[in-house]
Each structure stands twice: as C-alpha cells, then as structure tokens.
Amino acid sequence: MLPSGKLAVEFAKPVIHALQEKGISKIGAGEFCWGAKVVVELAKDADIQVAALLHPTFVTLGDIKGVKVPVAILGAEFDKISPPELVKQFEAALKAKPEVVHFVKIFPGVSGSC
C-alpha cells in the first residue's frame, strides 16, 4: 500500500473507535479511486461493518479475499486502472465466500479515471 494509504488507515481507525465509544455500532465506508484501498483495509480488519469501493485503485485480489464485511464494488466498462477483468476476478473471489454479502456491478459505456 502507498505510504499515504497506510497513513489514511491509521487516521481513520481512531475516528471509528471514537464513534464506537459514543455508541455508534454500525459504521460504513465508501471511497473512490485510491481511497478504495483504505476502505478495503478497514474491511479486512472488520473495523467497519460495510464497504463500498468505486473504481478501486491499488486494490488487489488478495485484498478482496481478505474482506470480512458486506461490500459493494462498482467499476466501469472502460477503465485501465481497474479493468472489468479485474473487477470480475473480485466478484469471483467474493462468490467463493458465501459469508460475505456482496454486490458487484460494471457500468456499461462508462469510463473510469482518476
């Protein structure tokens, strides 16, 4: 993960814990582009209860295999960074984990970019 991504995860965790201390028990996170890497890291540790990844940059198949919470992944038909083939691999990995509720969609005719 990029150093800034690791830093973002470390910034997010105290915020999540502070919300939990105030009695908030359901926390979700969604991000676009490189921020999706931050969200997937939180989803792997179950620091959040639901995740949404849009044009998920820097996210790997290994990351997706580690997700422990419900997740939505939204991709674009024309995307060099998160190509449909990769998003389909993410979907296949999630289908192999029936305990993880998931939704994956590739939007036809749409271009993805940062």
PDB file of N, CA and C in Angstrom:
ATOM      1  N   MET A   1       0.842  -1.166   0.000  1.00  0.00           N
ATOM      2  CA  MET A   1       0.000   0.000   0.000  1.00  0.00           C
ATOM      3  C   MET A   1       0.889   1.232   0.000  1.00  0.00           C
ATOM      4  N   LEU A   2       0.423   2.275  -0.623  1.00  0.00           N
ATOM      5  CA  LEU A   2       1.168   3.527  -0.631  1.00  0.00           C
ATOM      6  C   LEU A   2       1.293   4.070   0.787  1.00  0.00           C
ATOM      7  N   PRO A   3       2.389   4.733   1.102  1.00  0.00           N
ATOM      8  CA  PRO A   3       2.538   5.293   2.446  1.00  0.00           C
ATOM      9  C   PRO A   3       1.363   6.171   2.848  1.00  0.00           C
ATOM     10  N   SER A   4       0.845   6.980   1.919  1.00  0.00           N
ATOM     11  CA  SER A   4      -0.284   7.847   2.252  1.00  0.00           C
ATOM     12  C   SER A   4      -1.524   7.024   2.564  1.00  0.00           C
ATOM     13  N   GLY A   5      -1.659   5.848   1.926  1.00  0.00           N
ATOM     14  CA  GLY A   5      -2.785   4.964   2.212  1.00  0.00           C
ATOM     15  C   GLY A   5      -2.702   4.388   3.608  1.00  0.00           C
ATOM     16  N   LYS A   6      -1.499   3.980   4.003  1.00  0.00           N
ATOM     17  CA  LYS A   6      -1.300   3.464   5.363  1.00  0.00           C
ATOM     18  C   LYS A   6      -1.618   4.549   6.381  1.00  0.00           C
ATOM     19  N   LEU A   7      -1.191   5.754   6.081  1.00  0.00           N
ATOM     20  CA  LEU A   7      -1.447   6.874   6.978  1.00  0.00           C
ATOM     21  C   LEU A   7      -2.943   7.137   7.079  1.00  0.00           C
ATOM     22  N   ALA A   8      -3.648   7.055   5.956  1.00  0.00           N
ATOM     23  CA  ALA A   8      -5.097   7.281   5.958  1.00  0.00           C
ATOM     24  C   ALA A   8      -5.816   6.237   6.806  1.00  0.00           C
ATOM     25  N   VAL A   9      -5.388   4.985   6.727  1.00  0.00           N
ATOM     26  CA  VAL A   9      -5.979   3.931   7.560  1.00  0.00           C
ATOM     27  C   VAL A   9      -5.743   4.251   9.029  1.00  0.00           C
ATOM     28  N   GLU A  10      -4.540   4.674   9.358  1.00  0.00           N
ATOM     29  CA  GLU A  10      -4.225   4.996  10.756  1.00  0.00           C
ATOM     30  C   GLU A  10      -5.005   6.210  11.248  1.00  0.00           C
ATOM     31  N   PHE A  11      -5.316   7.158  10.350  1.00  0.00           N
ATOM     32  CA  PHE A  11      -6.156   8.300  10.728  1.00  0.00           C
ATOM     33  C   PHE A  11      -7.604   7.867  10.917  1.00  0.00           C
ATOM     34  N   ALA A  12      -8.060   6.927  10.102  1.00  0.00           N
ATOM     35  CA  ALA A  12      -9.459   6.500  10.148  1.00  0.00           C
ATOM     36  C   ALA A  12      -9.783   5.701  11.407  1.00  0.00           C
ATOM     37  N   LYS A  13      -8.870   4.872  11.835  1.00  0.00           N
ATOM     38  CA  LYS A  13      -9.162   3.976  12.966  1.00  0.00           C
ATOM     39  C   LYS A  13      -9.540   4.716  14.254  1.00  0.00           C
ATOM     40  N   PRO A  14      -8.838   5.779  14.658  1.00  0.00           N
ATOM     41  CA  PRO A  14      -9.259   6.489  15.873  1.00  0.00           C
ATOM     42  C   PRO A  14     -10.637   7.147  15.727  1.00  0.00           C
ATOM     43  N   VAL A  15     -10.960   7.587  14.527  1.00  0.00           N
ATOM     44  CA  VAL A  15     -12.285   8.176  14.292  1.00  0.00           C
ATOM     45  C   VAL A  15     -13.354   7.098  14.475  1.00  0.00           C
ATOM     46  N   ILE A  16     -13.111   5.931  13.891  1.00  0.00           N
ATOM     47  CA  ILE A  16     -14.049   4.813  14.028  1.00  0.00           C
ATOM     48  C   ILE A  16     -14.203   4.432  15.499  1.00  0.00           C
ATOM     49  N   HIS A  17     -13.102   4.328  16.203  1.00  0.00           N
ATOM     50  CA  HIS A  17     -13.164   3.945  17.620  1.00  0.00           C
ATOM     51  C   HIS A  17     -13.870   5.013  18.460  1.00  0.00           C
ATOM     52  N   ALA A  18     -13.680   6.273  18.134  1.00  0.00           N
ATOM     53  CA  ALA A  18     -14.368   7.349  18.851  1.00  0.00           C
ATOM     54  C   ALA A  18     -15.877   7.268  18.621  1.00  0.00           C
ATOM     55  N   LEU A  19     -16.283   6.970  17.401  1.00  0.00           N
ATOM     56  CA  LEU A  19     -17.712   6.803  17.115  1.00  0.00           C
ATOM     57  C   LEU A  19     -18.281   5.620  17.891  1.00  0.00           C
ATOM     58  N   GLN A  20     -17.534   4.542  17.942  1.00  0.00           N
ATOM     59  CA  GLN A  20     -17.981   3.359  18.682  1.00  0.00           C
ATOM     60  C   GLN A  20     -18.122   3.664  20.173  1.00  0.00           C
ATOM     61  N   GLU A  21     -17.214   4.455  20.710  1.00  0.00           N
ATOM     62  CA  GLU A  21     -17.294   4.833  22.121  1.00  0.00           C
ATOM     63  C   GLU A  21     -18.532   5.664  22.412  1.00  0.00           C
ATOM     64  N   LYS A  22     -19.044   6.347  21.405  1.00  0.00           N
ATOM     65  CA  LYS A  22     -20.264   7.141  21.556  1.00  0.00           C
ATOM     66  C   LYS A  22     -21.517   6.298  21.315  1.00  0.00           C
ATOM     67  N   GLY A  23     -21.334   4.998  21.117  1.00  0.00           N
ATOM     68  CA  GLY A  23     -22.477   4.109  20.974  1.00  0.00           C
ATOM     69  C   GLY A  23     -22.881   3.797  19.546  1.00  0.00           C
ATOM     70  N   ILE A  24     -22.148   4.306  18.591  1.00  0.00           N
ATOM     71  CA  ILE A  24     -22.460   4.010  17.195  1.00  0.00           C
ATOM     72  C   ILE A  24     -21.869   2.642  16.871  1.00  0.00           C
ATOM     73  N   SER A  25     -22.745   1.720  16.527  1.00  0.00           N
ATOM     74  CA  SER A  25     -22.282   0.343  16.336  1.00  0.00           C
ATOM     75  C   SER A  25     -22.191  -0.073  14.872  1.00  0.00           C
ATOM     76  N   LYS A  26     -22.771   0.691  13.988  1.00  0.00           N
ATOM     77  CA  LYS A  26     -22.737   0.356  12.560  1.00  0.00           C
ATOM     78  C   LYS A  26     -22.053   1.490  11.803  1.00  0.00           C
ATOM     79  N   ILE A  27     -20.895   1.192  11.238  1.00  0.00           N
ATOM     80  CA  ILE A  27     -20.117   2.199  10.521  1.00  0.00           C
ATOM     81  C   ILE A  27     -19.767   1.650   9.148  1.00  0.00           C
ATOM     82  N   GLY A  28     -20.054   2.442   8.134  1.00  0.00           N
ATOM     83  CA  GLY A  28     -19.715   2.063   6.769  1.00  0.00           C
ATOM     84  C   GLY A  28     -18.733   3.055   6.184  1.00  0.00           C
ATOM     85  N   ALA A  29     -18.044   2.611   5.150  1.00  0.00           N
ATOM     86  CA  ALA A  29     -17.088   3.492   4.478  1.00  0.00           C
ATOM     87  C   ALA A  29     -17.151   3.231   2.982  1.00  0.00           C
ATOM     88  N   GLY A  30     -17.053   4.298   2.221  1.00  0.00           N
ATOM     89  CA  GLY A  30     -17.018   4.192   0.770  1.00  0.00           C
ATOM     90  C   GLY A  30     -16.012   5.178   0.226  1.00  0.00           C
ATOM     91  N   GLU A  31     -15.332   4.779  -0.814  1.00  0.00           N
ATOM     92  CA  GLU A  31     -14.324   5.661  -1.411  1.00  0.00           C
ATOM     93  C   GLU A  31     -14.165   5.380  -2.887  1.00  0.00           C
ATOM     94  N   PHE A  32     -13.649   6.357  -3.562  1.00  0.00           N
ATOM     95  CA  PHE A  32     -13.393   6.337  -4.993  1.00  0.00           C
ATOM     96  C   PHE A  32     -11.882   6.336  -5.216  1.00  0.00           C
ATOM     97  N   CYS A  33     -11.448   5.609  -6.206  1.00  0.00           N
ATOM     98  CA  CYS A  33     -10.062   5.595  -6.663  1.00  0.00           C
ATOM     99  C   CYS A  33      -9.133   5.060  -5.572  1.00  0.00           C
ATOM    100  N   TRP A  34      -8.043   5.770  -5.254  1.00  0.00           N
ATOM    101  CA  TRP A  34      -7.071   5.221  -4.311  1.00  0.00           C
ATOM    102  C   TRP A  34      -7.648   5.086  -2.908  1.00  0.00           C
ATOM    103  N   GLY A  35      -8.663   5.865  -2.596  1.00  0.00           N
ATOM    104  CA  GLY A  35      -9.306   5.755  -1.284  1.00  0.00           C
ATOM    105  C   GLY A  35      -9.955   4.403  -1.057  1.00  0.00           C
ATOM    106  N   ALA A  36     -10.272   3.715  -2.158  1.00  0.00           N
ATOM    107  CA  ALA A  36     -10.852   2.374  -2.037  1.00  0.00           C
ATOM    108  C   ALA A  36      -9.877   1.425  -1.341  1.00  0.00           C
ATOM    109  N   LYS A  37      -8.602   1.647  -1.519  1.00  0.00           N
ATOM    110  CA  LYS A  37      -7.589   0.821  -0.842  1.00  0.00           C
ATOM    111  C   LYS A  37      -7.698   0.993   0.672  1.00  0.00           C
ATOM    112  N   VAL A  38      -7.941   2.211   1.111  1.00  0.00           N
ATOM    113  CA  VAL A  38      -8.103   2.479   2.535  1.00  0.00           C
ATOM    114  C   VAL A  38      -9.331   1.733   3.061  1.00  0.00           C
ATOM    115  N   VAL A  39     -10.430   1.822   2.326  1.00  0.00           N
ATOM    116  CA  VAL A  39     -11.668   1.168   2.748  1.00  0.00           C
ATOM    117  C   VAL A  39     -11.494  -0.346   2.799  1.00  0.00           C
ATOM    118  N   VAL A  40     -10.832  -0.921   1.792  1.00  0.00           N
ATOM    119  CA  VAL A  40     -10.664  -2.376   1.787  1.00  0.00           C
ATOM    120  C   VAL A  40      -9.791  -2.821   2.965  1.00  0.00           C
ATOM    121  N   GLU A  41      -8.820  -2.019   3.349  1.00  0.00           N
ATOM    122  CA  GLU A  41      -8.005  -2.360   4.515  1.00  0.00           C
ATOM    123  C   GLU A  41      -8.858  -2.362   5.783  1.00  0.00           C
ATOM    124  N   LEU A  42      -9.753  -1.401   5.907  1.00  0.00           N
ATOM    125  CA  LEU A  42     -10.651  -1.359   7.060  1.00  0.00           C
ATOM    126  C   LEU A  42     -11.608  -2.549   7.038  1.00  0.00           C
ATOM    127  N   ALA A  43     -12.037  -2.954   5.843  1.00  0.00           N
ATOM    128  CA  ALA A  43     -12.966  -4.084   5.695  1.00  0.00           C
ATOM    129  C   ALA A  43     -12.286  -5.418   5.997  1.00  0.00           C
ATOM    130  N   LYS A  44     -10.989  -5.481   5.782  1.00  0.00           N
ATOM    131  CA  LYS A  44     -10.251  -6.719   6.087  1.00  0.00           C
ATOM    132  C   LYS A  44     -10.107  -6.927   7.588  1.00  0.00           C
ATOM    133  N   ASP A  45     -10.016  -5.852   8.337  1.00  0.00           N
ATOM    134  CA  ASP A  45      -9.890  -5.940   9.790  1.00  0.00           C
ATOM    135  C   ASP A  45     -11.246  -5.857  10.486  1.00  0.00           C
ATOM    136  N   ALA A  46     -12.319  -5.716   9.693  1.00  0.00           N
ATOM    137  CA  ALA A  46     -13.678  -5.568  10.224  1.00  0.00           C
ATOM    138  C   ALA A  46     -13.792  -4.354  11.147  1.00  0.00           C
ATOM    139  N   ASP A  47     -13.031  -3.304  10.845  1.00  0.00           N
ATOM    140  CA  ASP A  47     -13.156  -2.054  11.597  1.00  0.00           C
ATOM    141  C   ASP A  47     -14.453  -1.339  11.236  1.00  0.00           C
ATOM    142  N   ILE A  48     -15.008  -1.683  10.082  1.00  0.00           N
ATOM    143  CA  ILE A  48     -16.273  -1.136   9.610  1.00  0.00           C
ATOM    144  C   ILE A  48     -17.231  -2.304   9.397  1.00  0.00           C
ATOM    145  N   GLN A  49     -18.515  -1.983   9.207  1.00  0.00           N
ATOM    146  CA  GLN A  49     -19.495  -3.046   9.041  1.00  0.00           C
ATOM    147  C   GLN A  49     -19.961  -3.209   7.596  1.00  0.00           C
ATOM    148  N   VAL A  50     -19.640  -2.263   6.747  1.00  0.00           N
ATOM    149  CA  VAL A  50     -19.987  -2.345   5.328  1.00  0.00           C
ATOM    150  C   VAL A  50     -19.027  -1.452   4.546  1.00  0.00           C
ATOM    151  N   ALA A  51     -18.743  -1.862   3.295  1.00  0.00           N
ATOM    152  CA  ALA A  51     -17.776  -1.120   2.475  1.00  0.00           C
ATOM    153  C   ALA A  51     -18.303  -0.936   1.060  1.00  0.00           C
ATOM    154  N   ALA A  52     -17.928   0.178   0.450  1.00  0.00           N
ATOM    155  CA  ALA A  52     -18.237   0.427  -0.960  1.00  0.00           C
ATOM    156  C   ALA A  52     -16.958   0.900  -1.643  1.00  0.00           C
ATOM    157  N   LEU A  53     -16.600   0.221  -2.735  1.00  0.00           N
ATOM    158  CA  LEU A  53     -15.388   0.539  -3.487  1.00  0.00           C
ATOM    159  C   LEU A  53     -15.803   0.958  -4.885  1.00  0.00           C
ATOM    160  N   LEU A  54     -15.418   2.153  -5.289  1.00  0.00           N
ATOM    161  CA  LEU A  54     -15.771   2.678  -6.598  1.00  0.00           C
ATOM    162  C   LEU A  54     -14.495   2.957  -7.371  1.00  0.00           C
ATOM    163  N   HIS A  55     -14.363   2.361  -8.578  1.00  0.00           N
ATOM    164  CA  HIS A  55     -13.126   2.495  -9.354  1.00  0.00           C
ATOM    165  C   HIS A  55     -11.949   2.180  -8.426  1.00  0.00           C
ATOM    166  N   PRO A  56     -11.909   0.941  -7.886  1.00  0.00           N
ATOM    167  CA  PRO A  56     -10.957   0.603  -6.815  1.00  0.00           C
ATOM    168  C   PRO A  56      -9.507   0.491  -7.270  1.00  0.00           C
ATOM    169  N   THR A  57      -8.775   1.571  -7.110  1.00  0.00           N
ATOM    170  CA  THR A  57      -7.371   1.643  -7.495  1.00  0.00           C
ATOM    171  C   THR A  57      -6.483   1.077  -6.383  1.00  0.00           C
ATOM    172  N   PHE A  58      -5.446   0.363  -6.762  1.00  0.00           N
ATOM    173  CA  PHE A  58      -4.475  -0.248  -5.848  1.00  0.00           C
ATOM    174  C   PHE A  58      -5.044  -1.420  -5.046  1.00  0.00           C
ATOM    175  N   VAL A  59      -6.302  -1.785  -5.275  1.00  0.00           N
ATOM    176  CA  VAL A  59      -6.905  -2.922  -4.588  1.00  0.00           C
ATOM    177  C   VAL A  59      -6.512  -4.192  -5.339  1.00  0.00           C
ATOM    178  N   THR A  60      -6.089  -5.204  -4.599  1.00  0.00           N
ATOM    179  CA  THR A  60      -5.647  -6.456  -5.208  1.00  0.00           C
ATOM    180  C   THR A  60      -6.660  -7.568  -4.945  1.00  0.00           C
ATOM    181  N   LEU A  61      -6.503  -8.646  -5.681  1.00  0.00           N
ATOM    182  CA  LEU A  61      -7.337  -9.819  -5.466  1.00  0.00           C
ATOM    183  C   LEU A  61      -7.141 -10.342  -4.041  1.00  0.00           C
ATOM    184  N   GLY A  62      -5.922 -10.300  -3.562  1.00  0.00           N
ATOM    185  CA  GLY A  62      -5.649 -10.701  -2.179  1.00  0.00           C
ATOM    186  C   GLY A  62      -6.389  -9.843  -1.167  1.00  0.00           C
ATOM    187  N   ASP A  63      -6.487  -8.542  -1.453  1.00  0.00           N
ATOM    188  CA  ASP A  63      -7.258  -7.652  -0.575  1.00  0.00           C
ATOM    189  C   ASP A  63      -8.708  -8.111  -0.502  1.00  0.00           C
ATOM    190  N   ILE A  64      -9.285  -8.360  -1.662  1.00  0.00           N
ATOM    191  CA  ILE A  64     -10.695  -8.747  -1.727  1.00  0.00           C
ATOM    192  C   ILE A  64     -10.922 -10.073  -1.000  1.00  0.00           C
ATOM    193  N   LYS A  65      -9.999 -10.988  -1.153  1.00  0.00           N
ATOM    194  CA  LYS A  65     -10.127 -12.282  -0.463  1.00  0.00           C
ATOM    195  C   LYS A  65     -10.108 -12.117   1.052  1.00  0.00           C
ATOM    196  N   GLY A  66      -9.535 -11.017   1.532  1.00  0.00           N
ATOM    197  CA  GLY A  66      -9.464 -10.771   2.967  1.00  0.00           C
ATOM    198  C   GLY A  66     -10.634 -10.004   3.547  1.00  0.00           C
ATOM    199  N   VAL A  67     -11.559  -9.534   2.709  1.00  0.00           N
ATOM    200  CA  VAL A  67     -12.694  -8.741   3.178  1.00  0.00           C
ATOM    201  C   VAL A  67     -13.587  -9.592   4.077  1.00  0.00           C
ATOM    202  N   LYS A  68     -14.015  -9.002   5.201  1.00  0.00           N
ATOM    203  CA  LYS A  68     -14.836  -9.720   6.178  1.00  0.00           C
ATOM    204  C   LYS A  68     -16.237  -9.140   6.332  1.00  0.00           C
ATOM    205  N   VAL A  69     -16.528  -8.041   5.647  1.00  0.00           N
ATOM    206  CA  VAL A  69     -17.822  -7.368   5.816  1.00  0.00           C
ATOM    207  C   VAL A  69     -18.522  -7.241   4.464  1.00  0.00           C
ATOM    208  N   PRO A  70     -19.845  -7.000   4.472  1.00  0.00           N
ATOM    209  CA  PRO A  70     -20.536  -6.786   3.196  1.00  0.00           C
ATOM    210  C   PRO A  70     -19.856  -5.685   2.388  1.00  0.00           C
ATOM    211  N   VAL A  71     -19.785  -5.899   1.072  1.00  0.00           N
ATOM    212  CA  VAL A  71     -19.055  -4.961   0.218  1.00  0.00           C
ATOM    213  C   VAL A  71     -19.757  -4.794  -1.127  1.00  0.00           C
ATOM    214  N   ALA A  72     -19.752  -3.572  -1.619  1.00  0.00           N
ATOM    215  CA  ALA A  72     -20.204  -3.274  -2.978  1.00  0.00           C
ATOM    216  C   ALA A  72     -18.991  -2.783  -3.755  1.00  0.00           C
ATOM    217  N   ILE A  73     -18.837  -3.299  -4.969  1.00  0.00           N
ATOM    218  CA  ILE A  73     -17.736  -2.872  -5.834  1.00  0.00           C
ATOM    219  C   ILE A  73     -18.344  -2.398  -7.142  1.00  0.00           C
ATOM    220  N   LEU A  74     -18.080  -1.152  -7.488  1.00  0.00           N
ATOM    221  CA  LEU A  74     -18.620  -0.558  -8.703  1.00  0.00           C
ATOM    222  C   LEU A  74     -17.476  -0.201  -9.636  1.00  0.00           C
ATOM    223  N   GLY A  75     -17.539  -0.728 -10.852  1.00  0.00           N
ATOM    224  CA  GLY A  75     -16.494  -0.486 -11.835  1.00  0.00           C
ATOM    225  C   GLY A  75     -17.061   0.089 -13.121  1.00  0.00           C
ATOM    226  N   ALA A  76     -16.176   0.424 -14.033  1.00  0.00           N
ATOM    227  CA  ALA A  76     -16.545   0.997 -15.324  1.00  0.00           C
ATOM    228  C   ALA A  76     -16.114   0.049 -16.442  1.00  0.00           C
ATOM    229  N   GLU A  77     -16.845   0.094 -17.534  1.00  0.00           N
ATOM    230  CA  GLU A  77     -16.508  -0.755 -18.681  1.00  0.00           C
ATOM    231  C   GLU A  77     -15.139  -0.399 -19.253  1.00  0.00           C
ATOM    232  N   PHE A  78     -14.832   0.883 -19.273  1.00  0.00           N
ATOM    233  CA  PHE A  78     -13.568   1.357 -19.842  1.00  0.00           C
ATOM    234  C   PHE A  78     -12.715   1.943 -18.719  1.00  0.00           C
ATOM    235  N   ASP A  79     -11.850   1.129 -18.175  1.00  0.00           N
ATOM    236  CA  ASP A  79     -11.044   1.559 -17.039  1.00  0.00           C
ATOM    237  C   ASP A  79      -9.708   0.827 -17.101  1.00  0.00           C
ATOM    238  N   LYS A  80      -8.642   1.560 -17.348  1.00  0.00           N
ATOM    239  CA  LYS A  80      -7.315   0.949 -17.461  1.00  0.00           C
ATOM    240  C   LYS A  80      -6.719   0.604 -16.100  1.00  0.00           C
ATOM    241  N   ILE A  81      -7.132   1.313 -15.070  1.00  0.00           N
ATOM    242  CA  ILE A  81      -6.575   1.082 -13.743  1.00  0.00           C
ATOM    243  C   ILE A  81      -7.304  -0.058 -13.028  1.00  0.00           C
ATOM    244  N   SER A  82      -8.613  -0.072 -13.136  1.00  0.00           N
ATOM    245  CA  SER A  82      -9.442  -1.141 -12.551  1.00  0.00           C
ATOM    246  C   SER A  82     -10.271  -1.763 -13.669  1.00  0.00           C
ATOM    247  N   PRO A  83      -9.637  -2.504 -14.557  1.00  0.00           N
ATOM    248  CA  PRO A  83     -10.354  -3.024 -15.725  1.00  0.00           C
ATOM    249  C   PRO A  83     -11.450  -4.019 -15.333  1.00  0.00           C
ATOM    250  N   PRO A  84     -12.455  -4.150 -16.188  1.00  0.00           N
ATOM    251  CA  PRO A  84     -13.553  -5.078 -15.895  1.00  0.00           C
ATOM    252  C   PRO A  84     -13.079  -6.494 -15.574  1.00  0.00           C
ATOM    253  N   GLU A  85     -12.009  -6.927 -16.216  1.00  0.00           N
ATOM    254  CA  GLU A  85     -11.496  -8.271 -15.942  1.00  0.00           C
ATOM    255  C   GLU A  85     -11.098  -8.424 -14.470  1.00  0.00           C
ATOM    256  N   LEU A  86     -10.477  -7.390 -13.919  1.00  0.00           N
ATOM    257  CA  LEU A  86     -10.076  -7.424 -12.515  1.00  0.00           C
ATOM    258  C   LEU A  86     -11.306  -7.393 -11.607  1.00  0.00           C
ATOM    259  N   VAL A  87     -12.255  -6.537 -11.937  1.00  0.00           N
ATOM    260  CA  VAL A  87     -13.476  -6.443 -11.136  1.00  0.00           C
ATOM    261  C   VAL A  87     -14.212  -7.788 -11.150  1.00  0.00           C
ATOM    262  N   LYS A  88     -14.204  -8.466 -12.285  1.00  0.00           N
ATOM    263  CA  LYS A  88     -14.826  -9.798 -12.369  1.00  0.00           C
ATOM    264  C   LYS A  88     -14.075 -10.811 -11.502  1.00  0.00           C
ATOM    265  N   GLN A  89     -12.763 -10.675 -11.407  1.00  0.00           N
ATOM    266  CA  GLN A  89     -11.991 -11.543 -10.502  1.00  0.00           C
ATOM    267  C   GLN A  89     -12.376 -11.273  -9.045  1.00  0.00           C
ATOM    268  N   PHE A  90     -12.584  -9.989  -8.736  1.00  0.00           N
ATOM    269  CA  PHE A  90     -13.036  -9.633  -7.392  1.00  0.00           C
ATOM    270  C   PHE A  90     -14.372 -10.318  -7.097  1.00  0.00           C
ATOM    271  N   GLU A  91     -15.276 -10.259  -8.071  1.00  0.00           N
ATOM    272  CA  GLU A  91     -16.593 -10.862  -7.892  1.00  0.00           C
ATOM    273  C   GLU A  91     -16.477 -12.372  -7.677  1.00  0.00           C
ATOM    274  N   ALA A  92     -15.649 -13.027  -8.463  1.00  0.00           N
ATOM    275  CA  ALA A  92     -15.461 -14.478  -8.318  1.00  0.00           C
ATOM    276  C   ALA A  92     -14.918 -14.822  -6.930  1.00  0.00           C
ATOM    277  N   ALA A  93     -13.984 -14.022  -6.447  1.00  0.00           N
ATOM    278  CA  ALA A  93     -13.420 -14.265  -5.114  1.00  0.00           C
ATOM    279  C   ALA A  93     -14.491 -14.105  -4.038  1.00  0.00           C
ATOM    280  N   LEU A  94     -15.361 -13.126  -4.217  1.00  0.00           N
ATOM    281  CA  LEU A  94     -16.422 -12.911  -3.236  1.00  0.00           C
ATOM    282  C   LEU A  94     -17.471 -14.017  -3.297  1.00  0.00           C
ATOM    283  N   LYS A  95     -17.754 -14.506  -4.487  1.00  0.00           N
ATOM    284  CA  LYS A  95     -18.716 -15.611  -4.615  1.00  0.00           C
ATOM    285  C   LYS A  95     -18.212 -16.856  -3.892  1.00  0.00           C
ATOM    286  N   ALA A  96     -16.911 -16.998  -3.790  1.00  0.00           N
ATOM    287  CA  ALA A  96     -16.318 -18.136  -3.081  1.00  0.00           C
ATOM    288  C   ALA A  96     -16.405 -17.968  -1.561  1.00  0.00           C
ATOM    289  N   LYS A  97     -16.874 -16.793  -1.122  1.00  0.00           N
ATOM    290  CA  LYS A  97     -17.020 -16.516   0.311  1.00  0.00           C
ATOM    291  C   LYS A  97     -18.494 -16.230   0.602  1.00  0.00           C
ATOM    292  N   PRO A  98     -19.337 -17.246   0.706  1.00  0.00           N
ATOM    293  CA  PRO A  98     -20.774 -17.005   0.885  1.00  0.00           C
ATOM    294  C   PRO A  98     -21.112 -16.242   2.166  1.00  0.00           C
ATOM    295  N   GLU A  99     -20.207 -16.218   3.111  1.00  0.00           N
ATOM    296  CA  GLU A  99     -20.462 -15.486   4.353  1.00  0.00           C
ATOM    297  C   GLU A  99     -20.333 -13.970   4.180  1.00  0.00           C
ATOM    298  N   VAL A 100     -19.781 -13.529   3.061  1.00  0.00           N
ATOM    299  CA  VAL A 100     -19.624 -12.094   2.795  1.00  0.00           C
ATOM    300  C   VAL A 100     -20.649 -11.667   1.743  1.00  0.00           C
ATOM    301  N   VAL A 101     -21.634 -10.901   2.184  1.00  0.00           N
ATOM    302  CA  VAL A 101     -22.632 -10.365   1.260  1.00  0.00           C
ATOM    303  C   VAL A 101     -21.930  -9.371   0.346  1.00  0.00           C
ATOM    304  N   HIS A 102     -22.241  -9.440  -0.946  1.00  0.00           N
ATOM    305  CA  HIS A 102     -21.549  -8.541  -1.878  1.00  0.00           C
ATOM    306  C   HIS A 102     -22.450  -8.168  -3.053  1.00  0.00           C
ATOM    307  N   PHE A 103     -22.103  -7.049  -3.663  1.00  0.00           N
ATOM    308  CA  PHE A 103     -22.754  -6.571  -4.879  1.00  0.00           C
ATOM    309  C   PHE A 103     -21.643  -6.032  -5.766  1.00  0.00           C
ATOM    310  N   VAL A 104     -21.575  -6.518  -6.986  1.00  0.00           N
ATOM    311  CA  VAL A 104     -20.552  -6.062  -7.930  1.00  0.00           C
ATOM    312  C   VAL A 104     -21.248  -5.665  -9.219  1.00  0.00           C
ATOM    313  N   LYS A 105     -20.919  -4.488  -9.723  1.00  0.00           N
ATOM    314  CA  LYS A 105     -21.507  -4.022 -10.981  1.00  0.00           C
ATOM    315  C   LYS A 105     -20.450  -3.299 -11.804  1.00  0.00           C
ATOM    316  N   ILE A 106     -20.422  -3.627 -13.077  1.00  0.00           N
ATOM    317  CA  ILE A 106     -19.596  -2.905 -14.045  1.00  0.00           C
ATOM    318  C   ILE A 106     -20.562  -2.106 -14.907  1.00  0.00           C
ATOM    319  N   PHE A 107     -20.410  -0.802 -14.914  1.00  0.00           N
ATOM    320  CA  PHE A 107     -21.332   0.059 -15.641  1.00  0.00           C
ATOM    321  C   PHE A 107     -20.939   0.136 -17.114  1.00  0.00           C
ATOM    322  N   PRO A 108     -21.821  -0.341 -18.006  1.00  0.00           N
ATOM    323  CA  PRO A 108     -21.514  -0.331 -19.437  1.00  0.00           C
ATOM    324  C   PRO A 108     -21.457   1.094 -19.994  1.00  0.00           C
ATOM    325  N   GLY A 109     -20.520   1.300 -20.916  1.00  0.00           N
ATOM    326  CA  GLY A 109     -20.400   2.590 -21.581  1.00  0.00           C
ATOM    327  C   GLY A 109     -19.770   3.682 -20.740  1.00  0.00           C
ATOM    328  N   VAL A 110     -19.289   3.332 -19.558  1.00  0.00           N
ATOM    329  CA  VAL A 110     -18.727   4.318 -18.631  1.00  0.00           C
ATOM    330  C   VAL A 110     -17.210   4.182 -18.606  1.00  0.00           C
ATOM    331  N   SER A 111     -16.523   5.327 -18.522  1.00  0.00           N
ATOM    332  CA  SER A 111     -15.065   5.347 -18.395  1.00  0.00           C
ATOM    333  C   SER A 111     -14.691   5.658 -16.958  1.00  0.00           C
ATOM    334  N   GLY A 112     -13.668   4.976 -16.468  1.00  0.00           N
ATOM    335  CA  GLY A 112     -13.181   5.246 -15.125  1.00  0.00           C
ATOM    336  C   GLY A 112     -11.803   5.870 -15.198  1.00  0.00           C
ATOM    337  N   SER A 113     -11.590   6.879 -14.378  1.00  0.00           N
ATOM    338  CA  SER A 113     -10.270   7.508 -14.329  1.00  0.00           C
ATOM    339  C   SER A 113     -10.159   8.316 -13.052  1.00  0.00           C
ATOM    340  N   CYS A 114      -8.923   8.613 -12.681  1.00  0.00           N
ATOM    341  CA  CYS A 114      -8.684   9.449 -11.500  1.00  0.00           C
ATOM    342  C   CYS A 114      -8.424  10.869 -11.930  1.00  0.00           C
TER     343      CYS A 114
END
